[in-house]
């Protein structure tokens, strides 16, 4: 199983935000950290207006996770997160020098794929 979310919203300044998360397994209560050392570089991406970011490390603190195993829908999942983001693209195989701290939260009803 994997947890795959698409979040389309606005930031605190009204700029459009588009996020995609593709994570192995399901969200369980507690804290879990993911990095691009063990997952692909695009396991979590965020586009803010025209600024595109990939997340190299993120920690999710899952406060509530009510997953229906029958239909694969979270009813709901409530998560705080923080991590490190970088802009695309990489040049000559080297990561960019910009490092941006990210943090936020979401509460979703969502579908996971088997």
PDB file of N, CA and C in Angstrom:
ATOM      1  N   UNK A   1       0.837  -1.184   0.000  1.00  0.00           N
ATOM      2  CA  UNK A   1       0.000   0.000   0.000  1.00  0.00           C
ATOM      3  C   UNK A   1       0.880   1.244   0.000  1.00  0.00           C
ATOM      4  N   UNK A   2       0.328   2.298  -0.515  1.00  0.00           N
ATOM      5  CA  UNK A   2       1.003   3.584  -0.482  1.00  0.00           C
ATOM      6  C   UNK A   2      -0.032   4.651  -0.189  1.00  0.00           C
ATOM      7  N   UNK A   3       0.433   5.772   0.325  1.00  0.00           N
ATOM      8  CA  UNK A   3      -0.418   6.935   0.540  1.00  0.00           C
ATOM      9  C   UNK A   3      -0.041   7.968  -0.506  1.00  0.00           C
ATOM     10  N   UNK A   4      -0.996   8.342  -1.319  1.00  0.00           N
ATOM     11  CA  UNK A   4      -0.761   9.266  -2.413  1.00  0.00           C
ATOM     12  C   UNK A   4      -1.786  10.379  -2.312  1.00  0.00           C
ATOM     13  N   UNK A   5      -1.328  11.599  -2.019  1.00  0.00           N
ATOM     14  CA  UNK A   5      -2.220  12.748  -1.857  1.00  0.00           C
ATOM     15  C   UNK A   5      -1.861  13.829  -2.863  1.00  0.00           C
ATOM     16  N   UNK A   6      -2.864  14.537  -3.322  1.00  0.00           N
ATOM     17  CA  UNK A   6      -2.701  15.764  -4.080  1.00  0.00           C
ATOM     18  C   UNK A   6      -3.474  16.829  -3.326  1.00  0.00           C
ATOM     19  N   UNK A   7      -2.790  17.909  -2.968  1.00  0.00           N
ATOM     20  CA  UNK A   7      -3.411  19.007  -2.223  1.00  0.00           C
ATOM     21  C   UNK A   7      -3.315  20.254  -3.088  1.00  0.00           C
ATOM     22  N   UNK A   8      -4.441  20.851  -3.393  1.00  0.00           N
ATOM     23  CA  UNK A   8      -4.519  22.049  -4.221  1.00  0.00           C
ATOM     24  C   UNK A   8      -5.170  23.133  -3.371  1.00  0.00           C
ATOM     25  N   UNK A   9      -4.402  24.166  -3.000  1.00  0.00           N
ATOM     26  CA  UNK A   9      -4.929  25.161  -2.055  1.00  0.00           C
ATOM     27  C   UNK A   9      -4.250  26.511  -2.297  1.00  0.00           C
ATOM     28  N   UNK A  10      -4.324  27.384  -1.311  1.00  0.00           N
ATOM     29  CA  UNK A  10      -3.654  28.689  -1.355  1.00  0.00           C
ATOM     30  C   UNK A  10      -2.857  28.871  -0.064  1.00  0.00           C
ATOM     31  N   UNK A  11      -1.730  29.616  -0.182  1.00  0.00           N
ATOM     32  CA  UNK A  11      -0.947  29.890   1.017  1.00  0.00           C
ATOM     33  C   UNK A  11      -1.523  31.108   1.734  1.00  0.00           C
ATOM     34  N   UNK A  12      -0.863  31.509   2.815  1.00  0.00           N
ATOM     35  CA  UNK A  12      -1.359  32.614   3.633  1.00  0.00           C
ATOM     36  C   UNK A  12      -1.390  33.944   2.897  1.00  0.00           C
ATOM     37  N   UNK A  13      -0.676  34.044   1.760  1.00  0.00           N
ATOM     38  CA  UNK A  13      -0.672  35.271   0.961  1.00  0.00           C
ATOM     39  C   UNK A  13      -1.575  35.175  -0.267  1.00  0.00           C
ATOM     40  N   UNK A  14      -2.324  34.081  -0.380  1.00  0.00           N
ATOM     41  CA  UNK A  14      -3.229  33.908  -1.504  1.00  0.00           C
ATOM     42  C   UNK A  14      -2.598  33.311  -2.742  1.00  0.00           C
ATOM     43  N   UNK A  15      -1.317  32.930  -2.669  1.00  0.00           N
ATOM     44  CA  UNK A  15      -0.651  32.283  -3.801  1.00  0.00           C
ATOM     45  C   UNK A  15      -1.126  30.833  -3.924  1.00  0.00           C
ATOM     46  N   UNK A  16      -1.307  30.343  -5.149  1.00  0.00           N
ATOM     47  CA  UNK A  16      -1.728  28.948  -5.303  1.00  0.00           C
ATOM     48  C   UNK A  16      -0.628  27.987  -4.854  1.00  0.00           C
ATOM     49  N   UNK A  17      -1.041  26.924  -4.167  1.00  0.00           N
ATOM     50  CA  UNK A  17      -0.127  25.855  -3.745  1.00  0.00           C
ATOM     51  C   UNK A  17      -0.650  24.545  -4.301  1.00  0.00           C
ATOM     52  N   UNK A  18       0.263  23.774  -4.868  1.00  0.00           N
ATOM     53  CA  UNK A  18      -0.069  22.446  -5.350  1.00  0.00           C
ATOM     54  C   UNK A  18       0.973  21.502  -4.768  1.00  0.00           C
ATOM     55  N   UNK A  19       0.530  20.512  -4.003  1.00  0.00           N
ATOM     56  CA  UNK A  19       1.451  19.563  -3.372  1.00  0.00           C
ATOM     57  C   UNK A  19       1.082  18.147  -3.772  1.00  0.00           C
ATOM     58  N   UNK A  20       2.099  17.331  -3.963  1.00  0.00           N
ATOM     59  CA  UNK A  20       1.900  15.904  -4.191  1.00  0.00           C
ATOM     60  C   UNK A  20       2.766  15.120  -3.216  1.00  0.00           C
ATOM     61  N   UNK A  21       2.171  14.114  -2.584  1.00  0.00           N
ATOM     62  CA  UNK A  21       2.880  13.221  -1.681  1.00  0.00           C
ATOM     63  C   UNK A  21       2.679  11.807  -2.174  1.00  0.00           C
ATOM     64  N   UNK A  22       3.740  11.066  -2.290  1.00  0.00           N
ATOM     65  CA  UNK A  22       3.689   9.660  -2.663  1.00  0.00           C
ATOM     66  C   UNK A  22       4.581   8.918  -1.679  1.00  0.00           C
ATOM     67  N   UNK A  23       3.948   8.328  -0.675  1.00  0.00           N
ATOM     68  CA  UNK A  23       4.683   7.730   0.436  1.00  0.00           C
ATOM     69  C   UNK A  23       4.355   6.246   0.553  1.00  0.00           C
ATOM     70  N   UNK A  24       5.338   5.449   0.938  1.00  0.00           N
ATOM     71  CA  UNK A  24       5.064   4.023   1.127  1.00  0.00           C
ATOM     72  C   UNK A  24       4.207   3.805   2.368  1.00  0.00           C
ATOM     73  N   UNK A  25       3.361   2.822   2.322  1.00  0.00           N
ATOM     74  CA  UNK A  25       2.555   2.460   3.485  1.00  0.00           C
ATOM     75  C   UNK A  25       1.435   3.442   3.754  1.00  0.00           C
ATOM     76  N   UNK A  26       0.955   3.405   4.971  1.00  0.00           N
ATOM     77  CA  UNK A  26      -0.152   4.269   5.378  1.00  0.00           C
ATOM     78  C   UNK A  26       0.294   5.162   6.525  1.00  0.00           C
ATOM     79  N   UNK A  27      -0.449   6.245   6.719  1.00  0.00           N
ATOM     80  CA  UNK A  27      -0.175   7.123   7.852  1.00  0.00           C
ATOM     81  C   UNK A  27      -0.705   6.468   9.121  1.00  0.00           C
ATOM     82  N   UNK A  28       0.174   6.255  10.090  1.00  0.00           N
ATOM     83  CA  UNK A  28      -0.208   5.732  11.396  1.00  0.00           C
ATOM     84  C   UNK A  28       0.090   6.793  12.438  1.00  0.00           C
ATOM     85  N   UNK A  29      -0.659   6.783  13.535  1.00  0.00           N
ATOM     86  CA  UNK A  29      -0.405   7.756  14.596  1.00  0.00           C
ATOM     87  C   UNK A  29       1.048   7.687  15.039  1.00  0.00           C
ATOM     88  N   UNK A  30       1.622   8.866  15.279  1.00  0.00           N
ATOM     89  CA  UNK A  30       3.006   8.944  15.704  1.00  0.00           C
ATOM     90  C   UNK A  30       3.839   9.730  14.718  1.00  0.00           C
ATOM     91  N   UNK A  31       5.146   9.621  14.871  1.00  0.00           N
ATOM     92  CA  UNK A  31       6.088  10.408  14.077  1.00  0.00           C
ATOM     93  C   UNK A  31       6.848   9.505  13.117  1.00  0.00           C
ATOM     94  N   UNK A  32       6.929   9.943  11.853  1.00  0.00           N
ATOM     95  CA  UNK A  32       7.668   9.211  10.833  1.00  0.00           C
ATOM     96  C   UNK A  32       8.457  10.202   9.992  1.00  0.00           C
ATOM     97  N   UNK A  33       9.709   9.862   9.688  1.00  0.00           N
ATOM     98  CA  UNK A  33      10.559  10.701   8.852  1.00  0.00           C
ATOM     99  C   UNK A  33      10.850   9.984   7.541  1.00  0.00           C
ATOM    100  N   UNK A  34      10.789  10.751   6.444  1.00  0.00           N
ATOM    101  CA  UNK A  34      11.125  10.248   5.114  1.00  0.00           C
ATOM    102  C   UNK A  34      12.219  11.127   4.529  1.00  0.00           C
ATOM    103  N   UNK A  35      13.103  10.528   3.726  1.00  0.00           N
ATOM    104  CA  UNK A  35      14.143  11.302   3.039  1.00  0.00           C
ATOM    105  C   UNK A  35      14.262  10.826   1.602  1.00  0.00           C
ATOM    106  N   UNK A  36      14.850  11.675   0.752  1.00  0.00           N
ATOM    107  CA  UNK A  36      15.063  11.245  -0.627  1.00  0.00           C
ATOM    108  C   UNK A  36      16.271  10.326  -0.744  1.00  0.00           C
ATOM    109  N   UNK A  37      16.949  10.031   0.361  1.00  0.00           N
ATOM    110  CA  UNK A  37      18.001   9.014   0.335  1.00  0.00           C
ATOM    111  C   UNK A  37      17.398   7.622   0.160  1.00  0.00           C
ATOM    112  N   UNK A  38      16.194   7.426   0.699  1.00  0.00           N
ATOM    113  CA  UNK A  38      15.536   6.126   0.620  1.00  0.00           C
ATOM    114  C   UNK A  38      14.348   6.119  -0.334  1.00  0.00           C
ATOM    115  N   UNK A  39      13.831   7.292  -0.686  1.00  0.00           N
ATOM    116  CA  UNK A  39      12.717   7.412  -1.618  1.00  0.00           C
ATOM    117  C   UNK A  39      13.165   8.222  -2.822  1.00  0.00           C
ATOM    118  N   UNK A  40      12.369   8.236  -3.876  1.00  0.00           N
ATOM    119  CA  UNK A  40      12.739   9.028  -5.048  1.00  0.00           C
ATOM    120  C   UNK A  40      12.722  10.511  -4.703  1.00  0.00           C
ATOM    121  N   UNK A  41      13.373  11.306  -5.529  1.00  0.00           N
ATOM    122  CA  UNK A  41      13.503  12.737  -5.256  1.00  0.00           C
ATOM    123  C   UNK A  41      12.145  13.438  -5.284  1.00  0.00           C
ATOM    124  N   UNK A  42      11.151  12.833  -5.925  1.00  0.00           N
ATOM    125  CA  UNK A  42       9.850  13.500  -6.005  1.00  0.00           C
ATOM    126  C   UNK A  42       8.791  12.848  -5.121  1.00  0.00           C
ATOM    127  N   UNK A  43       9.189  12.252  -3.993  1.00  0.00           N
ATOM    128  CA  UNK A  43       8.210  11.652  -3.097  1.00  0.00           C
ATOM    129  C   UNK A  43       7.300  12.694  -2.463  1.00  0.00           C
ATOM    130  N   UNK A  44       7.746  13.956  -2.410  1.00  0.00           N
ATOM    131  CA  UNK A  44       6.934  15.044  -1.874  1.00  0.00           C
ATOM    132  C   UNK A  44       7.389  16.309  -2.591  1.00  0.00           C
ATOM    133  N   UNK A  45       6.501  16.905  -3.351  1.00  0.00           N
ATOM    134  CA  UNK A  45       6.819  18.140  -4.066  1.00  0.00           C
ATOM    135  C   UNK A  45       5.790  19.203  -3.725  1.00  0.00           C
ATOM    136  N   UNK A  46       6.214  20.452  -3.781  1.00  0.00           N
ATOM    137  CA  UNK A  46       5.329  21.586  -3.520  1.00  0.00           C
ATOM    138  C   UNK A  46       5.596  22.644  -4.586  1.00  0.00           C
ATOM    139  N   UNK A  47       4.533  23.108  -5.212  1.00  0.00           N
ATOM    140  CA  UNK A  47       4.610  24.244  -6.136  1.00  0.00           C
ATOM    141  C   UNK A  47       3.864  25.396  -5.498  1.00  0.00           C
ATOM    142  N   UNK A  48       4.557  26.508  -5.268  1.00  0.00           N
ATOM    143  CA  UNK A  48       3.943  27.708  -4.710  1.00  0.00           C
ATOM    144  C   UNK A  48       4.024  28.778  -5.787  1.00  0.00           C
ATOM    145  N   UNK A  49       2.859  29.120  -6.345  1.00  0.00           N
ATOM    146  CA  UNK A  49       2.798  30.039  -7.471  1.00  0.00           C
ATOM    147  C   UNK A  49       3.692  29.463  -8.575  1.00  0.00           C
ATOM    148  N   UNK A  50       4.797  30.105  -8.940  1.00  0.00           N
ATOM    149  CA  UNK A  50       5.686  29.572  -9.980  1.00  0.00           C
ATOM    150  C   UNK A  50       6.971  28.972  -9.401  1.00  0.00           C
ATOM    151  N   UNK A  51       7.059  28.855  -8.086  1.00  0.00           N
ATOM    152  CA  UNK A  51       8.242  28.333  -7.408  1.00  0.00           C
ATOM    153  C   UNK A  51       8.047  26.842  -7.158  1.00  0.00           C
ATOM    154  N   UNK A  52       8.901  25.998  -7.734  1.00  0.00           N
ATOM    155  CA  UNK A  52       8.784  24.545  -7.620  1.00  0.00           C
ATOM    156  C   UNK A  52       9.826  24.010  -6.649  1.00  0.00           C
ATOM    157  N   UNK A  53       9.378  23.201  -5.697  1.00  0.00           N
ATOM    158  CA  UNK A  53      10.260  22.673  -4.660  1.00  0.00           C
ATOM    159  C   UNK A  53      10.141  21.162  -4.566  1.00  0.00           C
ATOM    160  N   UNK A  54      11.265  20.513  -4.262  1.00  0.00           N
ATOM    161  CA  UNK A  54      11.205  19.118  -3.856  1.00  0.00           C
ATOM    162  C   UNK A  54      11.651  19.054  -2.407  1.00  0.00           C
ATOM    163  N   UNK A  55      11.121  18.091  -1.700  1.00  0.00           N
ATOM    164  CA  UNK A  55      11.416  17.939  -0.277  1.00  0.00           C
ATOM    165  C   UNK A  55      12.467  16.845  -0.137  1.00  0.00           C
ATOM    166  N   UNK A  56      13.588  17.169   0.500  1.00  0.00           N
ATOM    167  CA  UNK A  56      14.639  16.168   0.673  1.00  0.00           C
ATOM    168  C   UNK A  56      14.487  15.393   1.975  1.00  0.00           C
ATOM    169  N   UNK A  57      13.826  15.990   2.951  1.00  0.00           N
ATOM    170  CA  UNK A  57      13.561  15.310   4.223  1.00  0.00           C
ATOM    171  C   UNK A  57      12.322  15.928   4.845  1.00  0.00           C
ATOM    172  N   UNK A  58      11.474  15.090   5.402  1.00  0.00           N
ATOM    173  CA  UNK A  58      10.261  15.587   6.056  1.00  0.00           C
ATOM    174  C   UNK A  58       9.896  14.649   7.198  1.00  0.00           C
ATOM    175  N   UNK A  59       9.412  15.243   8.273  1.00  0.00           N
ATOM    176  CA  UNK A  59       8.906  14.487   9.407  1.00  0.00           C
ATOM    177  C   UNK A  59       7.426  14.774   9.544  1.00  0.00           C
ATOM    178  N   UNK A  60       6.637  13.712   9.562  1.00  0.00           N
ATOM    179  CA  UNK A  60       5.200  13.820   9.750  1.00  0.00           C
ATOM    180  C   UNK A  60       4.865  13.414  11.181  1.00  0.00           C
ATOM    181  N   UNK A  61       4.089  14.239  11.854  1.00  0.00           N
ATOM    182  CA  UNK A  61       3.558  13.900  13.165  1.00  0.00           C
ATOM    183  C   UNK A  61       2.063  13.688  12.975  1.00  0.00           C
ATOM    184  N   UNK A  62       1.654  12.426  12.916  1.00  0.00           N
ATOM    185  CA  UNK A  62       0.262  12.074  12.642  1.00  0.00           C
ATOM    186  C   UNK A  62      -0.506  12.080  13.961  1.00  0.00           C
ATOM    187  N   UNK A  63      -1.455  13.007  14.071  1.00  0.00           N
ATOM    188  CA  UNK A  63      -2.244  13.165  15.286  1.00  0.00           C
ATOM    189  C   UNK A  63      -3.469  12.262  15.275  1.00  0.00           C
ATOM    190  N   UNK A  64      -4.004  12.024  14.071  1.00  0.00           N
ATOM    191  CA  UNK A  64      -5.191  11.184  13.930  1.00  0.00           C
ATOM    192  C   UNK A  64      -5.126  10.500  12.580  1.00  0.00           C
ATOM    193  N   UNK A  65      -5.382   9.205  12.567  1.00  0.00           N
ATOM    194  CA  UNK A  65      -5.404   8.469  11.312  1.00  0.00           C
ATOM    195  C   UNK A  65      -6.470   7.391  11.408  1.00  0.00           C
ATOM    196  N   UNK A  66      -7.585   7.649  10.757  1.00  0.00           N
ATOM    197  CA  UNK A  66      -8.682   6.703  10.762  1.00  0.00           C
ATOM    198  C   UNK A  66      -8.858   6.185   9.339  1.00  0.00           C
ATOM    199  N   UNK A  67      -8.118   5.143   9.003  1.00  0.00           N
ATOM    200  CA  UNK A  67      -8.111   4.583   7.656  1.00  0.00           C
ATOM    201  C   UNK A  67      -9.083   3.415   7.577  1.00  0.00           C
ATOM    202  N   UNK A  68      -9.987   3.471   6.617  1.00  0.00           N
ATOM    203  CA  UNK A  68     -10.864   2.343   6.335  1.00  0.00           C
ATOM    204  C   UNK A  68     -10.126   1.396   5.393  1.00  0.00           C
ATOM    205  N   UNK A  69      -9.760   0.233   5.875  1.00  0.00           N
ATOM    206  CA  UNK A  69      -9.072  -0.748   5.039  1.00  0.00           C
ATOM    207  C   UNK A  69      -9.978  -1.255   3.927  1.00  0.00           C
ATOM    208  N   UNK A  70     -11.291  -1.152   4.136  1.00  0.00           N
ATOM    209  CA  UNK A  70     -12.237  -1.653   3.149  1.00  0.00           C
ATOM    210  C   UNK A  70     -12.220  -0.834   1.859  1.00  0.00           C
ATOM    211  N   UNK A  71     -12.241   0.504   1.989  1.00  0.00           N
ATOM    212  CA  UNK A  71     -12.297   1.322   0.784  1.00  0.00           C
ATOM    213  C   UNK A  71     -11.077   2.219   0.591  1.00  0.00           C
ATOM    214  N   UNK A  72     -10.090   2.158   1.497  1.00  0.00           N
ATOM    215  CA  UNK A  72      -8.852   2.911   1.341  1.00  0.00           C
ATOM    216  C   UNK A  72      -9.000   4.404   1.520  1.00  0.00           C
ATOM    217  N   UNK A  73      -9.981   4.838   2.323  1.00  0.00           N
ATOM    218  CA  UNK A  73     -10.205   6.265   2.536  1.00  0.00           C
ATOM    219  C   UNK A  73      -9.913   6.615   3.994  1.00  0.00           C
ATOM    220  N   UNK A  74      -9.117   7.659   4.172  1.00  0.00           N
ATOM    221  CA  UNK A  74      -8.880   8.193   5.505  1.00  0.00           C
ATOM    222  C   UNK A  74     -10.094   9.038   5.886  1.00  0.00           C
ATOM    223  N   UNK A  75     -10.604   8.816   7.089  1.00  0.00           N
ATOM    224  CA  UNK A  75     -11.760   9.570   7.565  1.00  0.00           C
ATOM    225  C   UNK A  75     -11.507  10.059   8.975  1.00  0.00           C
ATOM    226  N   UNK A  76     -10.721  11.016   9.224  1.00  0.00           N
ATOM    227  CA  UNK A  76      -9.745  11.697   8.380  1.00  0.00           C
ATOM    228  C   UNK A  76      -8.335  11.274   8.746  1.00  0.00           C
ATOM    229  N   UNK A  77      -7.371  12.000   8.202  1.00  0.00           N
ATOM    230  CA  UNK A  77      -5.989  11.935   8.660  1.00  0.00           C
ATOM    231  C   UNK A  77      -5.594  13.373   8.992  1.00  0.00           C
ATOM    232  N   UNK A  78      -5.049  13.575  10.181  1.00  0.00           N
ATOM    233  CA  UNK A  78      -4.651  14.902  10.639  1.00  0.00           C
ATOM    234  C   UNK A  78      -3.151  14.867  10.924  1.00  0.00           C
ATOM    235  N   UNK A  79      -2.400  15.754  10.243  1.00  0.00           N
ATOM    236  CA  UNK A  79      -0.943  15.657  10.242  1.00  0.00           C
ATOM    237  C   UNK A  79      -0.306  17.036  10.366  1.00  0.00           C
ATOM    238  N   UNK A  80       0.723  17.139  11.208  1.00  0.00           N
ATOM    239  CA  UNK A  80       1.647  18.274  11.194  1.00  0.00           C
ATOM    240  C   UNK A  80       2.931  17.780  10.537  1.00  0.00           C
ATOM    241  N   UNK A  81       3.630  18.672   9.829  1.00  0.00           N
ATOM    242  CA  UNK A  81       4.878  18.249   9.202  1.00  0.00           C
ATOM    243  C   UNK A  81       5.892  19.382   9.228  1.00  0.00           C
ATOM    244  N   UNK A  82       7.165  19.004   9.151  1.00  0.00           N
ATOM    245  CA  UNK A  82       8.255  19.966   8.961  1.00  0.00           C
ATOM    246  C   UNK A  82       9.369  19.259   8.213  1.00  0.00           C
ATOM    247  N   UNK A  83      10.132  20.052   7.470  1.00  0.00           N
ATOM    248  CA  UNK A  83      11.185  19.436   6.687  1.00  0.00           C
ATOM    249  C   UNK A  83      12.056  20.452   5.980  1.00  0.00           C
ATOM    250  N   UNK A  84      12.781  19.961   4.979  1.00  0.00           N
ATOM    251  CA  UNK A  84      13.726  20.762   4.214  1.00  0.00           C
ATOM    252  C   UNK A  84      13.371  20.646   2.738  1.00  0.00           C
ATOM    253  N   UNK A  85      13.268  21.800   2.059  1.00  0.00           N
ATOM    254  CA  UNK A  85      12.929  21.836   0.641  1.00  0.00           C
ATOM    255  C   UNK A  85      14.053  22.488  -0.153  1.00  0.00           C
ATOM    256  N   UNK A  86      14.064  22.201  -1.448  1.00  0.00           N
ATOM    257  CA  UNK A  86      15.046  22.751  -2.382  1.00  0.00           C
ATOM    258  C   UNK A  86      14.340  23.029  -3.696  1.00  0.00           C
ATOM    259  N   UNK A  87      14.891  23.962  -4.490  1.00  0.00           N
ATOM    260  CA  UNK A  87      14.288  24.243  -5.785  1.00  0.00           C
ATOM    261  C   UNK A  87      14.783  23.261  -6.828  1.00  0.00           C
ATOM    262  N   UNK A  88      13.977  23.048  -7.852  1.00  0.00           N
ATOM    263  CA  UNK A  88      14.380  22.260  -9.011  1.00  0.00           C
ATOM    264  C   UNK A  88      15.131  23.177  -9.953  1.00  0.00           C
ATOM    265  N   UNK A  89      15.885  22.754 -10.902  1.00  0.00           N
ATOM    266  CA  UNK A  89      16.365  21.382 -11.050  1.00  0.00           C
ATOM    267  C   UNK A  89      17.748  21.229 -10.435  1.00  0.00           C
ATOM    268  N   UNK A  90      18.211  20.002 -10.409  1.00  0.00           N
ATOM    269  CA  UNK A  90      19.592  19.746 -10.031  1.00  0.00           C
ATOM    270  C   UNK A  90      20.456  20.006 -11.252  1.00  0.00           C
ATOM    271  N   UNK A  91      21.668  20.465 -11.040  1.00  0.00           N
ATOM    272  CA  UNK A  91      22.618  20.682 -12.130  1.00  0.00           C
ATOM    273  C   UNK A  91      23.832  19.798 -11.919  1.00  0.00           C
ATOM    274  N   UNK A  92      24.244  19.123 -12.958  1.00  0.00           N
ATOM    275  CA  UNK A  92      25.440  18.268 -12.930  1.00  0.00           C
ATOM    276  C   UNK A  92      25.409  17.282 -11.771  1.00  0.00           C
ATOM    277  N   UNK A  93      24.205  16.790 -11.444  1.00  0.00           N
ATOM    278  CA  UNK A  93      24.074  15.798 -10.375  1.00  0.00           C
ATOM    279  C   UNK A  93      24.223  16.347  -8.976  1.00  0.00           C
ATOM    280  N   UNK A  94      24.391  17.658  -8.839  1.00  0.00           N
ATOM    281  CA  UNK A  94      24.566  18.262  -7.521  1.00  0.00           C
ATOM    282  C   UNK A  94      23.275  18.933  -7.073  1.00  0.00           C
ATOM    283  N   UNK A  95      22.899  18.764  -5.807  1.00  0.00           N
ATOM    284  CA  UNK A  95      21.693  19.436  -5.339  1.00  0.00           C
ATOM    285  C   UNK A  95      21.891  20.946  -5.316  1.00  0.00           C
ATOM    286  N   UNK A  96      20.834  21.712  -5.462  1.00  0.00           N
ATOM    287  CA  UNK A  96      20.960  23.165  -5.415  1.00  0.00           C
ATOM    288  C   UNK A  96      21.400  23.622  -4.030  1.00  0.00           C
ATOM    289  N   UNK A  97      21.951  24.826  -3.977  1.00  0.00           N
ATOM    290  CA  UNK A  97      22.477  25.314  -2.703  1.00  0.00           C
ATOM    291  C   UNK A  97      21.390  25.919  -1.824  1.00  0.00           C
ATOM    292  N   UNK A  98      20.213  26.221  -2.391  1.00  0.00           N
ATOM    293  CA  UNK A  98      19.167  26.812  -1.559  1.00  0.00           C
ATOM    294  C   UNK A  98      18.523  25.744  -0.683  1.00  0.00           C
ATOM    295  N   UNK A  99      18.288  26.089   0.533  1.00  0.00           N
ATOM    296  CA  UNK A  99      17.633  25.208   1.490  1.00  0.00           C
ATOM    297  C   UNK A  99      16.562  26.020   2.193  1.00  0.00           C
ATOM    298  N   UNK A 100      15.345  25.509   2.167  1.00  0.00           N
ATOM    299  CA  UNK A 100      14.205  26.221   2.715  1.00  0.00           C
ATOM    300  C   UNK A 100      13.524  25.333   3.740  1.00  0.00           C
ATOM    301  N   UNK A 101      13.346  25.843   4.940  1.00  0.00           N
ATOM    302  CA  UNK A 101      12.608  25.100   5.962  1.00  0.00           C
ATOM    303  C   UNK A 101      11.121  25.200   5.649  1.00  0.00           C
ATOM    304  N   UNK A 102      10.436  24.068   5.717  1.00  0.00           N
ATOM    305  CA  UNK A 102       8.993  24.054   5.503  1.00  0.00           C
ATOM    306  C   UNK A 102       8.305  23.503   6.734  1.00  0.00           C
ATOM    307  N   UNK A 103       7.079  23.906   6.936  1.00  0.00           N
ATOM    308  CA  UNK A 103       6.253  23.333   7.996  1.00  0.00           C
ATOM    309  C   UNK A 103       4.804  23.614   7.656  1.00  0.00           C
ATOM    310  N   UNK A 104       3.928  22.817   8.192  1.00  0.00           N
ATOM    311  CA  UNK A 104       2.512  23.016   7.943  1.00  0.00           C
ATOM    312  C   UNK A 104       1.703  21.905   8.560  1.00  0.00           C
ATOM    313  N   UNK A 105       0.454  21.870   8.191  1.00  0.00           N
ATOM    314  CA  UNK A 105      -0.443  20.829   8.676  1.00  0.00           C
ATOM    315  C   UNK A 105      -1.542  20.620   7.652  1.00  0.00           C
ATOM    316  N   UNK A 106      -2.164  19.454   7.702  1.00  0.00           N
ATOM    317  CA  UNK A 106      -3.329  19.198   6.878  1.00  0.00           C
ATOM    318  C   UNK A 106      -4.238  18.198   7.574  1.00  0.00           C
ATOM    319  N   UNK A 107      -5.498  18.296   7.243  1.00  0.00           N
ATOM    320  CA  UNK A 107      -6.511  17.364   7.715  1.00  0.00           C
ATOM    321  C   UNK A 107      -7.326  16.980   6.493  1.00  0.00           C
ATOM    322  N   UNK A 108      -7.279  15.705   6.112  1.00  0.00           N
ATOM    323  CA  UNK A 108      -7.880  15.257   4.862  1.00  0.00           C
ATOM    324  C   UNK A 108      -8.710  14.011   5.047  1.00  0.00           C
ATOM    325  N   UNK A 109      -9.701  13.871   4.194  1.00  0.00           N
ATOM    326  CA  UNK A 109     -10.277  12.589   3.856  1.00  0.00           C
ATOM    327  C   UNK A 109      -9.660  12.260   2.521  1.00  0.00           C
ATOM    328  N   UNK A 110      -9.032  11.127   2.359  1.00  0.00           N
ATOM    329  CA  UNK A 110      -8.323  10.862   1.115  1.00  0.00           C
ATOM    330  C   UNK A 110      -8.330   9.404   0.755  1.00  0.00           C
ATOM    331  N   UNK A 111      -7.949   9.103  -0.462  1.00  0.00           N
ATOM    332  CA  UNK A 111      -7.941   7.738  -0.984  1.00  0.00           C
ATOM    333  C   UNK A 111      -6.501   7.271  -1.108  1.00  0.00           C
ATOM    334  N   UNK A 112      -6.247   6.038  -0.721  1.00  0.00           N
ATOM    335  CA  UNK A 112      -4.940   5.434  -0.943  1.00  0.00           C
ATOM    336  C   UNK A 112      -5.086   4.371  -2.010  1.00  0.00           C
ATOM    337  N   UNK A 113      -4.013   4.084  -2.714  1.00  0.00           N
ATOM    338  CA  UNK A 113      -4.080   3.066  -3.755  1.00  0.00           C
ATOM    339  C   UNK A 113      -3.392   1.799  -3.277  1.00  0.00           C
ATOM    340  N   UNK A 114      -3.938   0.633  -3.612  1.00  0.00           N
ATOM    341  CA  UNK A 114      -3.323  -0.628  -3.169  1.00  0.00           C
ATOM    342  C   UNK A 114      -2.078  -0.949  -3.957  1.00  0.00           C
TER     343      UNK A 114
END
